[in-house]
Amino acid sequence: MTLEVFLSRSRLLRRLRSGPFAEVIDLYTDQLRQGGYPSGYAAHAFRLINHFGRWLIDHSLHPGDVDEQLVARFLTAHAQCRVQTGADHSVMGRLLAILRAARVIGPPLPLLLNPVEQLLEDYQGYLQRKLGLSPTTTLIYSRYLRPFLRSLALNRADDIARITATDFIHYIEEHAGDGSPATAGAFCSRLRSFLRYLSAEGLIAKDLSVYVPSVKMWSQAGLPAYLSKTQVEQVLQCGERTTAKDRRDYAVLLLLARLGLRANEVALLALDDIDWRAGHIHVQGKGRKGATMPLLPEVGEAIAAYLCDGRPVSESRRVFLRSYAPHIGFASSCAVIHIARRAIKAANVTGVAHRGSHLFRHSLATELLGSGATLSEIGQVLRHQNHDTTRIYAKVDLASLRHLAAPWPGAMQ
């Protein structure tokens, strides 16, 4: 792929071909083509690269001198004479990556992390290396711990050795009411894990995890939020499905509503996970455990409609791609959660406490229970590892619970 595909201005073409980045400009063009970027974005990128090349020449610099600090200097100077856009940083970041891939410049200098971030990074590596946790899970652990560590005002890495039980007990008492009891309990669980890590690595004198208090929570105290069968159909039928984005979102919603998949399972679904002949879908479930799910005809038709008429051209093997360039798979499960929230809001569904993708999973379980399925069968469909997770749905089967209710004393006979 050459520049001529995106540019028709011969003056800009000549400058790029004879400028400092002439050796890598075609590589840059290939990345834009593979990512599905429109010609308007490409034209802006090439103009910015041309300005950067001229700026290097004016300052007697060469492509081999380019690094993050030099790019930051250029963007600051560029913003003083031209309006800066949100795409400028991504344009220059892609140029840096291509220059490194072509060995024009060396690897980036390691970032100097503050004591808190360095400690969390080491802890995440420990969780992945020793316990086999996924990077996504370790990031969640860090998210819970970061505010607490910042409250300690660590100036050096070895300052963590001064931590005492009083420090985290006072923090828990002060912040336990910031969220739900479940949030407070999750923080205490992560904190125990972190304290055990500090003890195992010799960063503190003794294991302080035994001093972390427990948060009082009643088991199975809440009711699962769910949609009725009519409401689920209302959400699924809302929308024309005339655009590629609509067809993608409809297929995503069917996977949530008909198979009860989790958001992350939908986001990670790959083309190779679908066996069209056998009618199966391989799902990478929770805890890195795979499972085979049936490819229902309705779900298969929706996925096929998106793949044949809507999915952008891309080298990615993910089933569902971003609708805007670069056309790659979803970065996380958040994209699937947003699709579910938009659909529920568009359908004007009210009366539910939570509006995320997990709502469809609860709704499927509730519908199966109302159809006569046993809790064991529901647990198999939802792939629960613990039977206690499924038992919460027994509380929504009001017809069966009425037979267990004791008569009210003094009631009329």
Protein backbone atom coordinates (compact mmCIF):
# COMPACT_ATOMS: atom_id res chain seq x y z
CA MET A 1 0.00 0.00 0.00
CA THR A 2 1.37 3.39 -1.02
CA LEU A 3 0.63 6.95 -0.01
CA GLU A 4 -1.19 7.60 -3.28
CA VAL A 5 -4.16 5.58 -1.97
CA PHE A 6 -4.78 8.18 0.74
CA LEU A 7 -3.28 11.35 -0.71
CA SER A 8 -3.80 13.20 -3.94
CA ARG A 9 -1.83 16.33 -3.02
CA SER A 10 1.43 15.96 -4.93
CA ARG A 11 3.21 18.61 -2.83
CA LEU A 12 2.64 16.73 0.43
CA LEU A 13 3.52 13.46 -1.29
CA ARG A 14 6.85 14.83 -2.49
CA ARG A 15 7.72 16.15 0.96
CA LEU A 16 6.95 12.84 2.66
CA ARG A 17 8.89 10.86 0.06
CA SER A 18 11.95 13.08 0.48
CA GLY A 19 11.58 13.82 4.18
CA PRO A 20 13.23 12.23 7.24
CA PHE A 21 10.60 9.48 7.48
CA ALA A 22 10.67 8.38 3.85
CA GLU A 23 11.89 4.87 4.80
CA VAL A 24 8.97 4.11 7.10
CA ILE A 25 6.11 6.09 5.61
CA ASP A 26 4.82 3.12 3.61
CA LEU A 27 4.83 1.01 6.78
CA TYR A 28 2.74 3.71 8.39
CA THR A 29 0.36 3.61 5.44
CA ASP A 30 -0.03 -0.17 5.77
CA GLN A 31 -1.02 0.17 9.42
CA LEU A 32 -3.67 2.73 8.58
CA ARG A 33 -5.07 0.46 5.89
CA GLN A 34 -5.12 -2.59 8.16
CA GLY A 35 -6.78 -0.60 10.92
CA GLY A 36 -9.51 0.65 8.60
CA TYR A 37 -8.79 4.33 9.14
CA PRO A 38 -10.69 6.74 6.85
CA SER A 39 -8.87 8.95 4.37
CA GLY A 40 -9.57 12.09 6.42
CA TYR A 41 -7.71 10.71 9.43
CA ALA A 42 -4.86 9.53 7.20
CA ALA A 43 -4.52 12.97 5.60
CA HIS A 44 -4.31 14.58 9.04
CA ALA A 45 -1.72 12.02 10.17
CA PHE A 46 0.49 12.59 7.14
CA ARG A 47 0.31 16.36 7.53
CA LEU A 48 1.38 16.06 11.17
CA ILE A 49 4.24 13.70 10.28
CA ASN A 50 5.35 16.13 7.59
CA HIS A 51 5.37 19.00 10.12
CA PHE A 52 7.35 16.83 12.53
CA GLY A 53 9.93 16.05 9.83
CA ARG A 54 10.38 19.71 9.02
CA TRP A 55 10.66 20.50 12.75
CA LEU A 56 13.46 17.94 13.06
CA ILE A 57 15.34 19.52 10.16
CA ASP A 58 14.94 23.02 11.62
CA HIS A 59 16.46 21.78 14.89
CA SER A 60 19.29 19.81 13.19
CA LEU A 61 17.86 16.51 14.45
CA HIS A 62 17.53 13.11 12.78
CA PRO A 63 14.95 10.28 12.97
CA GLY A 64 17.32 8.31 15.18
CA ASP A 65 17.04 11.07 17.82
CA VAL A 66 13.29 10.63 18.17
CA ASP A 67 11.88 9.49 21.52
CA GLU A 68 8.89 10.24 23.74
CA GLN A 69 10.45 13.38 25.19
CA LEU A 70 11.24 14.79 21.74
CA VAL A 71 7.71 14.06 20.52
CA ALA A 72 6.31 15.85 23.57
CA ARG A 73 8.48 18.89 22.78
CA PHE A 74 7.24 18.92 19.19
CA LEU A 75 3.56 18.63 20.14
CA THR A 76 3.94 21.50 22.60
CA ALA A 77 5.53 23.68 19.93
CA HIS A 78 3.00 22.52 17.32
CA ALA A 79 0.05 23.47 19.56
CA GLN A 80 1.30 27.06 19.75
CA CYS A 81 0.79 27.65 16.06
CA ARG A 82 -1.96 25.18 15.16
CA VAL A 83 -5.02 23.77 16.84
CA GLN A 84 -4.16 20.48 18.52
CA THR A 85 -6.59 17.57 18.09
CA GLY A 86 -7.16 14.45 20.13
CA ALA A 87 -5.68 12.35 17.34
CA ASP A 88 -2.24 13.97 17.48
CA HIS A 89 -0.95 11.79 20.30
CA SER A 90 -2.14 8.57 18.65
CA VAL A 91 -0.56 9.63 15.32
CA MET A 92 2.80 10.23 16.96
CA GLY A 93 2.54 7.15 19.15
CA ARG A 94 2.05 5.00 16.06
CA LEU A 95 5.06 6.65 14.41
CA LEU A 96 7.21 5.83 17.45
CA ALA A 97 6.10 2.19 17.36
CA ILE A 98 6.90 1.89 13.64
CA LEU A 99 10.31 3.51 14.06
CA ARG A 100 11.12 0.99 16.80
CA ALA A 101 9.85 -1.94 14.76
CA ALA A 102 12.09 -0.80 11.88
CA ARG A 103 15.03 -0.45 14.33
CA VAL A 104 15.44 3.23 13.48
CA ILE A 105 15.29 4.10 17.18
CA GLY A 106 15.96 2.10 20.31
CA PRO A 107 13.51 0.79 22.91
CA PRO A 108 11.79 3.28 25.20
CA LEU A 109 13.47 4.19 28.44
CA PRO A 110 11.89 2.51 31.47
CA LEU A 111 9.46 4.69 33.34
CA LEU A 112 10.45 5.78 36.81
CA LEU A 113 7.55 4.60 38.96
CA ASN A 114 6.76 6.11 42.31
CA PRO A 115 7.00 3.78 45.33
CA VAL A 116 3.28 2.94 45.32
CA GLU A 117 3.11 2.07 41.61
CA GLN A 118 6.36 0.07 41.81
CA LEU A 119 5.04 -1.91 44.76
CA LEU A 120 1.76 -2.65 42.95
CA GLU A 121 3.59 -3.67 39.79
CA ASP A 122 5.75 -6.12 41.75
CA TYR A 123 2.64 -7.45 43.48
CA GLN A 124 0.84 -7.99 40.15
CA GLY A 125 3.84 -9.92 38.86
CA TYR A 126 3.76 -12.09 41.98
CA LEU A 127 0.05 -12.86 41.52
CA GLN A 128 0.56 -13.85 37.90
CA ARG A 129 3.76 -15.81 38.50
CA LYS A 130 2.96 -17.60 41.76
CA LEU A 131 -0.83 -17.85 41.74
CA GLY A 132 -1.50 -17.96 38.01
CA LEU A 133 -3.98 -15.08 38.04
CA SER A 134 -4.76 -13.31 34.80
CA PRO A 135 -3.50 -9.77 34.15
CA THR A 136 -7.09 -8.48 34.27
CA THR A 137 -7.63 -9.96 37.74
CA THR A 138 -4.36 -8.54 39.06
CA LEU A 139 -5.36 -5.09 37.83
CA ILE A 140 -8.56 -5.37 39.86
CA TYR A 141 -6.51 -6.22 42.94
CA SER A 142 -4.39 -3.11 42.38
CA ARG A 143 -7.46 -0.92 41.92
CA TYR A 144 -8.66 -1.84 45.42
CA LEU A 145 -5.26 -1.34 47.05
CA ARG A 146 -4.03 1.85 45.37
CA PRO A 147 -6.08 4.36 47.46
CA PHE A 148 -4.96 2.67 50.69
CA LEU A 149 -1.28 2.71 49.73
CA ARG A 150 -1.49 6.35 48.71
CA SER A 151 -2.92 7.19 52.12
CA LEU A 152 0.29 5.83 53.68
CA ALA A 153 2.34 8.55 51.91
CA LEU A 154 5.21 6.21 51.00
CA ASN A 155 8.35 8.12 50.04
CA ARG A 156 10.59 5.09 49.48
CA ALA A 157 9.88 1.45 48.67
CA ASP A 158 11.18 0.24 52.03
CA ASP A 159 8.77 2.55 53.88
CA ILE A 160 6.19 -0.25 53.62
CA ALA A 161 8.09 -2.04 56.40
CA ARG A 162 6.65 0.50 58.86
CA ILE A 163 3.05 -0.50 58.20
CA THR A 164 1.11 -1.59 61.28
CA ALA A 165 -2.27 -3.16 61.93
CA THR A 166 -3.48 0.21 63.23
CA ASP A 167 -2.90 1.75 59.78
CA PHE A 168 -5.24 -0.47 57.84
CA ILE A 169 -7.80 -0.93 60.62
CA HIS A 170 -8.18 2.85 60.82
CA TYR A 171 -8.48 3.03 57.00
CA ILE A 172 -11.16 0.31 56.92
CA GLU A 173 -13.18 1.99 59.67
CA GLU A 174 -12.99 5.31 57.85
CA HIS A 175 -13.89 4.04 54.38
CA ALA A 176 -16.07 0.97 55.04
CA GLY A 177 -19.18 3.03 54.38
CA ASP A 178 -18.00 4.46 51.05
CA GLY A 179 -19.57 1.59 49.13
CA SER A 180 -21.64 -1.51 49.72
CA PRO A 181 -20.72 -4.20 52.28
CA ALA A 182 -19.63 -6.37 49.34
CA THR A 183 -17.16 -3.68 48.24
CA ALA A 184 -15.74 -3.38 51.75
CA GLY A 185 -15.46 -7.16 51.97
CA ALA A 186 -13.65 -7.31 48.63
CA PHE A 187 -11.15 -4.71 49.81
CA CYS A 188 -10.42 -6.68 52.99
CA SER A 189 -9.91 -9.83 50.95
CA ARG A 190 -7.45 -8.09 48.61
CA LEU A 191 -5.69 -6.51 51.57
CA ARG A 192 -5.14 -9.91 53.21
CA SER A 193 -3.65 -11.20 49.98
CA PHE A 194 -1.37 -8.17 49.73
CA LEU A 195 -0.18 -8.51 53.34
CA ARG A 196 0.60 -12.19 52.80
CA TYR A 197 2.64 -11.18 49.76
CA LEU A 198 4.60 -8.61 51.79
CA SER A 199 5.35 -11.24 54.44
CA ALA A 200 6.35 -13.90 51.88
CA GLU A 201 8.75 -11.49 50.17
CA GLY A 202 10.26 -10.32 53.46
CA LEU A 203 9.04 -6.74 53.03
CA ILE A 204 7.41 -6.74 56.47
CA ALA A 205 8.54 -8.51 59.65
CA LYS A 206 5.46 -10.69 60.19
CA ASP A 207 2.21 -11.65 58.51
CA LEU A 208 -0.34 -8.95 59.37
CA SER A 209 -3.18 -10.49 57.34
CA VAL A 210 -4.63 -12.11 60.48
CA TYR A 211 -5.40 -8.62 61.85
CA VAL A 212 -7.60 -7.57 58.93
CA PRO A 213 -11.19 -7.44 60.25
CA SER A 214 -14.08 -9.17 58.55
CA VAL A 215 -17.03 -7.27 57.11
CA LYS A 216 -20.42 -8.49 58.30
CA MET A 217 -22.47 -9.73 55.39
CA TRP A 218 -25.49 -12.01 55.45
CA SER A 219 -25.16 -14.88 53.01
CA GLN A 220 -27.74 -14.81 50.17
CA ALA A 221 -29.29 -11.66 51.66
CA GLY A 222 -30.11 -9.94 48.38
CA LEU A 223 -32.34 -10.75 45.47
CA PRO A 224 -30.92 -10.99 41.95
CA ALA A 225 -32.11 -8.24 39.64
CA TYR A 226 -33.69 -9.62 36.49
CA LEU A 227 -35.91 -8.78 33.55
CA SER A 228 -39.12 -10.56 32.75
CA LYS A 229 -39.36 -12.54 29.52
CA THR A 230 -41.43 -9.72 28.01
CA GLN A 231 -38.84 -7.12 28.98
CA VAL A 232 -35.98 -9.19 27.51
CA GLU A 233 -37.84 -9.43 24.20
CA GLN A 234 -38.57 -5.70 24.39
CA VAL A 235 -34.83 -5.00 24.63
CA LEU A 236 -33.94 -7.41 21.83
CA GLN A 237 -36.54 -6.07 19.43
CA CYS A 238 -35.70 -2.41 20.05
CA GLY A 239 -33.75 -1.16 17.05
CA GLU A 240 -33.86 -1.49 13.28
CA ARG A 241 -30.64 -3.50 12.81
CA THR A 242 -29.99 -1.64 9.56
CA THR A 243 -26.38 -0.67 10.30
CA ALA A 244 -23.30 -2.77 10.95
CA LYS A 245 -23.15 -1.51 14.53
CA ASP A 246 -26.79 -2.47 15.12
CA ARG A 247 -26.20 -6.00 13.79
CA ARG A 248 -23.14 -6.38 16.01
CA ASP A 249 -24.98 -5.19 19.11
CA TYR A 250 -27.94 -7.48 18.39
CA ALA A 251 -25.67 -10.52 18.15
CA VAL A 252 -23.96 -9.51 21.41
CA LEU A 253 -27.33 -9.14 23.17
CA LEU A 254 -28.49 -12.57 21.97
CA LEU A 255 -25.36 -14.20 23.38
CA LEU A 256 -26.09 -12.54 26.71
CA ALA A 257 -29.81 -13.27 26.76
CA ARG A 258 -30.04 -16.74 25.19
CA LEU A 259 -26.81 -18.34 26.43
CA GLY A 260 -26.19 -16.31 29.58
CA LEU A 261 -22.59 -15.53 28.67
CA ARG A 262 -20.57 -13.15 30.77
CA ALA A 263 -19.41 -9.84 29.27
CA ASN A 264 -15.78 -10.90 29.13
CA GLU A 265 -16.70 -14.20 27.44
CA VAL A 266 -18.47 -12.30 24.66
CA ALA A 267 -15.63 -9.80 24.27
CA LEU A 268 -13.02 -12.57 23.91
CA LEU A 269 -15.06 -14.76 21.54
CA ALA A 270 -12.92 -15.60 18.51
CA LEU A 271 -13.81 -16.78 15.01
CA ASP A 272 -12.09 -20.09 15.72
CA ASP A 273 -14.34 -20.65 18.75
CA ILE A 274 -17.42 -21.16 16.56
CA ASP A 275 -17.97 -24.63 15.07
CA TRP A 276 -20.66 -23.98 12.48
CA ARG A 277 -20.97 -27.61 11.38
CA ALA A 278 -21.36 -29.03 14.87
CA GLY A 279 -23.40 -26.06 16.09
CA HIS A 280 -21.17 -25.33 19.08
CA ILE A 281 -19.42 -22.33 20.62
CA HIS A 282 -16.30 -22.72 22.73
CA VAL A 283 -16.33 -20.22 25.59
CA GLN A 284 -13.30 -19.20 27.61
CA GLY A 285 -15.01 -18.99 30.97
CA LYS A 286 -14.20 -17.74 34.42
CA GLY A 287 -10.95 -18.97 35.93
CA ARG A 288 -9.58 -19.80 32.45
CA LYS A 289 -11.93 -22.79 32.24
CA GLY A 290 -13.28 -23.54 28.78
CA ALA A 291 -16.79 -24.77 28.06
CA THR A 292 -18.77 -25.80 24.99
CA MET A 293 -22.14 -24.11 24.51
CA PRO A 294 -24.81 -24.87 21.90
CA LEU A 295 -25.02 -22.46 18.99
CA LEU A 296 -28.75 -21.78 18.95
CA PRO A 297 -30.18 -21.09 15.48
CA GLU A 298 -31.30 -17.58 16.43
CA VAL A 299 -27.88 -16.74 17.84
CA GLY A 300 -26.06 -18.29 14.88
CA GLU A 301 -28.15 -16.33 12.38
CA ALA A 302 -27.43 -13.05 14.16
CA ILE A 303 -23.68 -13.71 14.28
CA ALA A 304 -23.65 -14.77 10.62
CA ALA A 305 -25.55 -11.63 9.62
CA TYR A 306 -22.92 -9.48 11.33
CA LEU A 307 -19.98 -11.43 9.89
CA CYS A 308 -21.35 -11.36 6.34
CA ASP A 309 -22.77 -7.84 6.31
CA GLY A 310 -21.24 -5.55 8.89
CA ARG A 311 -17.99 -6.80 10.34
CA PRO A 312 -15.16 -4.52 9.14
CA VAL A 313 -12.25 -5.96 7.22
CA SER A 314 -9.60 -6.74 9.80
CA GLU A 315 -6.81 -9.18 10.57
CA SER A 316 -8.18 -9.61 14.09
CA ARG A 317 -9.62 -13.06 14.90
CA ARG A 318 -12.12 -11.66 17.38
CA VAL A 319 -15.76 -12.05 16.36
CA PHE A 320 -16.85 -8.60 17.50
CA LEU A 321 -14.80 -5.57 16.50
CA ARG A 322 -14.86 -1.88 17.23
CA SER A 323 -17.06 0.03 14.81
CA TYR A 324 -14.47 2.83 14.58
CA ALA A 325 -10.85 2.54 13.51
CA PRO A 326 -8.75 0.78 14.43
CA HIS A 327 -11.01 -2.19 13.74
CA ILE A 328 -9.78 -4.50 16.47
CA GLY A 329 -11.43 -6.53 19.19
CA PHE A 330 -12.90 -4.93 22.27
CA ALA A 331 -10.24 -3.81 24.74
CA SER A 332 -12.20 -5.22 27.69
CA SER A 333 -15.61 -6.39 28.84
CA CYS A 334 -16.62 -2.75 29.37
CA ALA A 335 -17.64 -2.47 25.70
CA VAL A 336 -20.12 -5.33 26.09
CA ILE A 337 -21.48 -3.81 29.31
CA HIS A 338 -22.04 -0.48 27.52
CA ILE A 339 -23.87 -2.26 24.67
CA ALA A 340 -26.23 -3.85 27.19
CA ARG A 341 -26.82 -0.57 29.04
CA ARG A 342 -27.56 1.32 25.82
CA ALA A 343 -30.05 -1.32 24.71
CA ILE A 344 -31.89 -1.37 28.06
CA LYS A 345 -32.07 2.42 28.09
CA ALA A 346 -33.28 2.56 24.48
CA ALA A 347 -36.04 0.04 25.27
CA ASN A 348 -37.27 2.26 28.16
CA VAL A 349 -37.11 -0.63 30.61
CA THR A 350 -37.65 0.55 34.17
CA GLY A 351 -37.85 -0.99 37.61
CA VAL A 352 -34.43 -2.70 37.65
CA ALA A 353 -31.62 -1.74 40.00
CA HIS A 354 -28.75 -2.78 37.71
CA ARG A 355 -28.53 -2.25 33.96
CA GLY A 356 -25.42 -4.13 32.96
CA SER A 357 -24.82 -7.22 30.89
CA HIS A 358 -25.12 -9.51 33.92
CA LEU A 359 -28.79 -8.59 34.12
CA PHE A 360 -29.45 -10.86 31.12
CA ARG A 361 -27.66 -13.74 32.86
CA HIS A 362 -29.92 -13.37 35.90
CA SER A 363 -32.94 -13.08 33.62
CA LEU A 364 -32.10 -16.33 31.84
CA ALA A 365 -31.71 -18.17 35.14
CA THR A 366 -35.03 -16.81 36.40
CA GLU A 367 -36.81 -17.80 33.17
CA LEU A 368 -35.37 -21.33 33.33
CA LEU A 369 -36.51 -21.65 36.95
CA GLY A 370 -40.02 -20.54 36.02
CA SER A 371 -40.05 -23.11 33.20
CA GLY A 372 -39.44 -25.95 35.65
CA ALA A 373 -35.67 -26.35 35.46
CA THR A 374 -33.92 -27.48 38.62
CA LEU A 375 -31.21 -25.44 40.31
CA SER A 376 -28.67 -28.07 39.30
CA GLU A 377 -29.65 -27.71 35.65
CA ILE A 378 -29.50 -23.91 35.87
CA GLY A 379 -26.03 -24.17 37.41
CA GLN A 380 -24.90 -26.29 34.47
CA VAL A 381 -26.22 -23.79 31.94
CA LEU A 382 -24.58 -20.85 33.72
CA ARG A 383 -21.43 -22.93 34.42
CA HIS A 384 -21.39 -22.15 38.14
CA GLN A 385 -18.51 -23.79 40.00
CA ASN A 386 -20.25 -23.43 43.37
CA HIS A 387 -23.84 -24.60 43.98
CA ASP A 388 -24.33 -21.76 46.46
CA THR A 389 -24.08 -19.31 43.56
CA THR A 390 -27.16 -20.89 41.97
CA ARG A 391 -29.22 -21.14 45.15
CA ILE A 392 -29.89 -17.41 45.19
CA TYR A 393 -32.37 -17.93 42.34
CA ALA A 394 -34.56 -20.13 44.58
CA LYS A 395 -35.74 -16.93 46.29
CA VAL A 396 -37.38 -15.60 43.12
CA ASP A 397 -39.52 -18.75 42.66
CA LEU A 398 -42.44 -17.35 44.66
CA ALA A 399 -44.88 -20.09 43.61
CA SER A 400 -42.73 -22.80 45.17
CA LEU A 401 -41.88 -20.73 48.25
CA ARG A 402 -45.56 -20.27 49.12
CA HIS A 403 -45.82 -23.99 49.93
CA LEU A 404 -42.98 -23.62 52.45
CA ALA A 405 -44.45 -20.61 54.28
CA ALA A 406 -45.88 -21.32 57.73
CA PRO A 407 -49.46 -20.15 58.37
CA TRP A 408 -49.78 -16.77 60.04
CA PRO A 409 -50.76 -17.14 63.73
CA GLY A 410 -54.33 -16.02 64.30
CA ALA A 411 -55.14 -15.81 60.63
CA MET A 412 -58.71 -16.44 59.52
CA GLN A 413 -59.43 -20.08 58.69
